[in-house]
Amino acid sequence: MLRLVDSRSGQAAELPAGRVLRVGLPGPVTLRALVVADVLARVAGRGRRQVRVTAAPEFAVHDQDWSDYGIRPFAVEDAPAGDLAVVTGGGGDGRAVEVAPVAEEAGWYALMANASLDPLGVRLALLEVPYGTPFTLTSAGLIAAVERLERLRGSVAEWATQPGRPLDRGYVDEAEAAFADDLDTPGVLAVLDRLAADPEVPPGAKLETVVHVDLLLGLDLVAAIGRA
């Protein structure tokens, strides 16, 4: 069961009950808040809940093509409301998840635009740090995240050439437990790193396990399969 820290009490609690979960992002909305809300929606959706995400129109990021960052469609409303709010820097009425701000080193966005780096590298960089921890997104950090993403995709593509095997339930359970623990995405990524290095798990099982987990991370880790 997914448990998130409520910014009002500082205590972890289960999601509000109900078949439909409404997640609101009151403005200004940052890219990090959108990524957190997207992962939240994916994790809650795996628990057979319908999730509706609404965001305010006062976006505080440059690019407007959110699908480039793996963010699935959401509604835009002047006053988004929900059972749970995802906020940056405090605020929000009712129960809220507080996302820490990201400081942006001058030039990283230009690096993205000029070098044609994969925007999912930005998503990975954001997922490498707990969502409540402030950090600075630097050009060097972005390049490192893109390189890590390409390494993961390369491993997945290699595993895909081997005989198929069922996913490894032990690693899946570890990853899902990390997601359930306040969306611990750094913990999930650590699980994938250990899986990749585990000689006891067949390549086909590694492939199926990563595909299963990546449906929640949203990093398109299968992108390199079939490339020459």
Protein backbone atom coordinates (compact mmCIF):
# COMPACT_ATOMS: atom_id res chain seq x y z
CA MET A 1 0.00 0.00 0.00
CA LEU A 2 1.42 3.36 -1.05
CA ARG A 3 2.21 5.68 1.83
CA LEU A 4 3.18 9.34 1.34
CA VAL A 5 4.42 11.93 3.80
CA ASP A 6 1.73 14.56 4.43
CA SER A 7 3.36 18.00 4.44
CA ARG A 8 0.99 19.17 7.20
CA SER A 9 1.89 16.50 9.75
CA GLY A 10 5.25 15.29 8.49
CA GLN A 11 3.95 11.73 8.92
CA ALA A 12 3.53 9.03 6.29
CA ALA A 13 -0.03 7.92 5.64
CA GLU A 14 -1.87 5.84 3.09
CA LEU A 15 -3.57 7.48 0.13
CA PRO A 16 -7.11 8.80 0.57
CA ALA A 17 -9.62 6.00 0.07
CA GLY A 18 -11.86 5.64 -2.96
CA ARG A 19 -11.92 4.09 -6.42
CA VAL A 20 -10.88 7.39 -8.02
CA LEU A 21 -7.88 9.37 -6.80
CA ARG A 22 -7.83 13.05 -7.75
CA VAL A 23 -4.36 14.61 -7.71
CA GLY A 24 -4.19 18.40 -7.97
CA LEU A 25 -1.15 20.54 -8.79
CA PRO A 26 -1.88 24.14 -7.77
CA GLY A 27 0.37 26.70 -9.50
CA PRO A 28 3.06 27.50 -10.10
CA VAL A 29 3.78 23.99 -11.34
CA THR A 30 7.38 22.88 -11.73
CA LEU A 31 8.70 20.07 -13.87
CA ARG A 32 9.70 18.16 -10.74
CA ALA A 33 6.15 18.39 -9.38
CA LEU A 34 4.79 17.09 -12.69
CA VAL A 35 7.19 14.14 -12.61
CA VAL A 36 6.25 13.31 -9.01
CA ALA A 37 2.54 13.49 -9.82
CA ASP A 38 3.07 11.30 -12.87
CA VAL A 39 4.94 8.61 -10.90
CA LEU A 40 2.30 8.82 -8.17
CA ALA A 41 -0.45 8.29 -10.76
CA ARG A 42 1.38 5.30 -12.26
CA VAL A 43 1.93 3.64 -8.87
CA ALA A 44 -1.64 4.26 -7.70
CA GLY A 45 -2.95 3.04 -11.04
CA ARG A 46 -1.15 -0.27 -10.62
CA GLY A 47 -3.24 -0.66 -7.49
CA ARG A 48 -6.33 -0.67 -9.75
CA ARG A 49 -7.33 2.89 -8.96
CA GLN A 50 -8.42 5.45 -11.49
CA VAL A 51 -6.24 8.54 -11.18
CA ARG A 52 -7.12 12.00 -12.47
CA VAL A 53 -4.36 14.62 -12.46
CA THR A 54 -5.14 18.32 -12.86
CA ALA A 55 -2.62 21.16 -12.96
CA ALA A 56 -2.74 24.93 -12.82
CA PRO A 57 -1.78 26.83 -16.00
CA GLU A 58 1.02 28.83 -14.34
CA PHE A 59 3.86 26.56 -15.40
CA ALA A 60 7.31 27.47 -14.11
CA VAL A 61 9.31 25.51 -16.69
CA HIS A 62 10.37 26.32 -20.23
CA ASP A 63 9.20 23.44 -22.41
CA GLN A 64 5.51 22.71 -22.91
CA ASP A 65 5.75 19.27 -24.56
CA TRP A 66 5.42 17.26 -21.36
CA SER A 67 5.33 13.92 -23.20
CA ASP A 68 9.04 14.38 -23.94
CA TYR A 69 9.61 13.95 -20.20
CA GLY A 70 7.46 10.81 -19.98
CA ILE A 71 4.58 12.71 -18.41
CA ARG A 72 1.21 11.33 -19.42
CA PRO A 73 -1.73 13.59 -20.34
CA PHE A 74 -3.34 15.63 -17.56
CA ALA A 75 -6.04 18.28 -17.36
CA VAL A 76 -5.33 21.99 -16.91
CA GLU A 77 -7.70 23.94 -14.66
CA ASP A 78 -7.57 27.41 -13.13
CA ALA A 79 -8.07 26.02 -9.63
CA PRO A 80 -7.07 22.35 -9.62
CA ALA A 81 -8.46 20.46 -6.65
CA GLY A 82 -8.13 16.89 -5.54
CA ASP A 83 -7.97 14.35 -2.76
CA LEU A 84 -4.24 15.04 -2.67
CA ALA A 85 -2.19 18.06 -3.77
CA VAL A 86 1.38 17.98 -5.07
CA VAL A 87 2.91 21.35 -4.17
CA THR A 88 6.30 23.04 -4.44
CA GLY A 89 7.52 25.17 -1.58
CA GLY A 90 4.49 24.64 0.65
CA GLY A 91 0.88 25.67 0.27
CA GLY A 92 -2.18 23.74 -0.82
CA ASP A 93 -5.43 23.10 0.97
CA GLY A 94 -5.96 19.77 2.67
CA ARG A 95 -3.55 16.90 2.38
CA ALA A 96 -0.45 17.71 0.35
CA VAL A 97 2.83 16.19 -0.80
CA GLU A 98 5.56 18.83 -0.76
CA VAL A 99 8.10 18.70 -3.59
CA ALA A 100 11.38 20.49 -2.94
CA PRO A 101 12.49 23.10 -5.49
CA VAL A 102 15.27 22.39 -7.98
CA ALA A 103 17.91 25.02 -8.56
CA GLU A 104 19.00 25.10 -12.19
CA GLU A 105 22.61 25.82 -13.05
CA ALA A 106 22.83 28.41 -15.80
CA GLY A 107 23.16 26.72 -19.15
CA TRP A 108 21.64 23.30 -18.53
CA TYR A 109 18.48 24.07 -20.47
CA ALA A 110 20.53 25.42 -23.37
CA LEU A 111 22.52 22.19 -23.23
CA MET A 112 19.29 20.25 -23.64
CA ALA A 113 18.21 22.37 -26.60
CA ASN A 114 21.53 22.49 -28.42
CA ALA A 115 22.85 18.98 -27.82
CA SER A 116 19.53 17.22 -28.45
CA LEU A 117 19.93 15.22 -25.27
CA ASP A 118 17.08 12.92 -24.31
CA PRO A 119 14.63 14.81 -22.04
CA LEU A 120 14.09 11.54 -20.19
CA GLY A 121 17.61 12.12 -18.88
CA VAL A 122 16.15 15.10 -16.99
CA ARG A 123 13.40 12.85 -15.64
CA LEU A 124 16.02 10.34 -14.49
CA ALA A 125 18.06 13.11 -12.84
CA LEU A 126 14.95 14.16 -10.90
CA LEU A 127 14.17 10.56 -9.91
CA GLU A 128 17.71 10.02 -8.60
CA VAL A 129 17.01 12.35 -5.64
CA PRO A 130 14.15 11.98 -3.10
CA TYR A 131 11.40 14.38 -4.17
CA GLY A 132 11.51 16.23 -0.85
CA THR A 133 15.26 16.94 -1.07
CA PRO A 134 16.39 20.20 -2.72
CA PHE A 135 19.21 19.90 -5.23
CA THR A 136 20.83 21.72 -8.13
CA LEU A 137 20.45 20.36 -11.65
CA THR A 138 23.82 20.99 -13.25
CA SER A 139 25.06 20.38 -16.76
CA ALA A 140 27.45 17.72 -15.44
CA GLY A 141 24.65 16.05 -13.48
CA LEU A 142 22.40 16.07 -16.51
CA ILE A 143 25.08 14.51 -18.72
CA ALA A 144 25.70 11.83 -16.08
CA ALA A 145 21.98 11.04 -15.91
CA VAL A 146 21.73 10.76 -19.70
CA GLU A 147 24.73 8.43 -19.73
CA ARG A 148 23.17 6.29 -17.00
CA LEU A 149 19.94 6.14 -18.99
CA GLU A 150 21.81 5.00 -22.10
CA ARG A 151 23.66 2.32 -20.12
CA LEU A 152 20.39 0.96 -18.77
CA ARG A 153 18.84 0.96 -22.23
CA GLY A 154 21.91 -0.76 -23.66
CA SER A 155 21.68 -3.50 -21.05
CA VAL A 156 17.96 -3.97 -21.73
CA ALA A 157 18.62 -4.22 -25.48
CA GLU A 158 21.30 -6.86 -24.86
CA TRP A 159 19.04 -8.87 -22.57
CA ALA A 160 16.32 -8.78 -25.22
CA THR A 161 18.51 -10.88 -27.53
CA GLN A 162 18.51 -13.76 -25.03
CA PRO A 163 15.82 -16.42 -24.41
CA GLY A 164 12.76 -15.14 -22.57
CA ARG A 165 12.27 -15.93 -18.89
CA PRO A 166 9.65 -14.92 -16.29
CA LEU A 167 10.37 -11.78 -14.29
CA ASP A 168 12.21 -12.09 -10.99
CA ARG A 169 9.55 -11.72 -8.31
CA GLY A 170 12.08 -10.93 -5.57
CA TYR A 171 13.43 -7.86 -7.36
CA VAL A 172 9.94 -6.76 -8.38
CA ASP A 173 8.78 -6.95 -4.77
CA GLU A 174 11.78 -4.88 -3.66
CA ALA A 175 11.12 -2.23 -6.28
CA GLU A 176 7.41 -2.04 -5.51
CA ALA A 177 8.17 -1.79 -1.78
CA ALA A 178 10.42 1.20 -2.53
CA PHE A 179 7.69 2.86 -4.61
CA ALA A 180 5.23 2.29 -1.76
CA ASP A 181 7.62 3.89 0.75
CA ASP A 182 6.93 7.55 -0.09
CA LEU A 183 7.83 7.11 -3.78
CA ASP A 184 11.44 6.17 -3.04
CA THR A 185 12.57 6.31 -6.67
CA PRO A 186 16.30 6.41 -5.77
CA GLY A 187 15.68 3.12 -3.97
CA VAL A 188 13.95 1.71 -7.06
CA LEU A 189 16.89 2.69 -9.26
CA ALA A 190 19.27 1.03 -6.80
CA VAL A 191 17.23 -2.17 -7.10
CA LEU A 192 17.62 -2.05 -10.90
CA ASP A 193 21.37 -1.53 -10.55
CA ARG A 194 21.65 -4.60 -8.32
CA LEU A 195 19.48 -6.60 -10.69
CA ALA A 196 21.69 -5.68 -13.66
CA ALA A 197 24.80 -6.83 -11.78
CA ASP A 198 23.30 -10.08 -10.42
CA PRO A 199 24.86 -13.06 -12.24
CA GLU A 200 22.25 -15.41 -10.81
CA VAL A 201 19.35 -13.82 -12.72
CA PRO A 202 19.06 -14.86 -16.40
CA PRO A 203 19.06 -12.05 -18.99
CA GLY A 204 15.48 -12.81 -20.05
CA ALA A 205 14.30 -12.47 -16.45
CA LYS A 206 16.21 -9.19 -16.09
CA LEU A 207 14.45 -7.88 -19.20
CA GLU A 208 10.95 -8.73 -17.99
CA THR A 209 11.67 -7.35 -14.52
CA VAL A 210 12.95 -4.02 -15.84
CA VAL A 211 10.01 -3.67 -18.25
CA HIS A 212 7.60 -4.26 -15.35
CA VAL A 213 9.31 -1.69 -13.11
CA ASP A 214 9.80 0.88 -15.88
CA LEU A 215 6.04 1.12 -16.40
CA LEU A 216 6.14 3.05 -13.11
CA LEU A 217 9.42 4.92 -13.63
CA GLY A 218 8.43 6.08 -17.13
CA LEU A 219 11.98 6.13 -18.54
CA ASP A 220 11.32 4.17 -21.77
CA LEU A 221 14.11 1.73 -20.97
CA VAL A 222 13.16 -0.46 -23.94
CA ALA A 223 13.98 2.32 -26.42
CA ALA A 224 17.21 0.70 -27.68
CA ILE A 225 15.75 -2.75 -28.36
CA GLY A 226 16.23 -3.69 -32.00
CA ARG A 227 18.68 -0.92 -32.82
CA ALA A 228 21.54 -1.92 -35.08
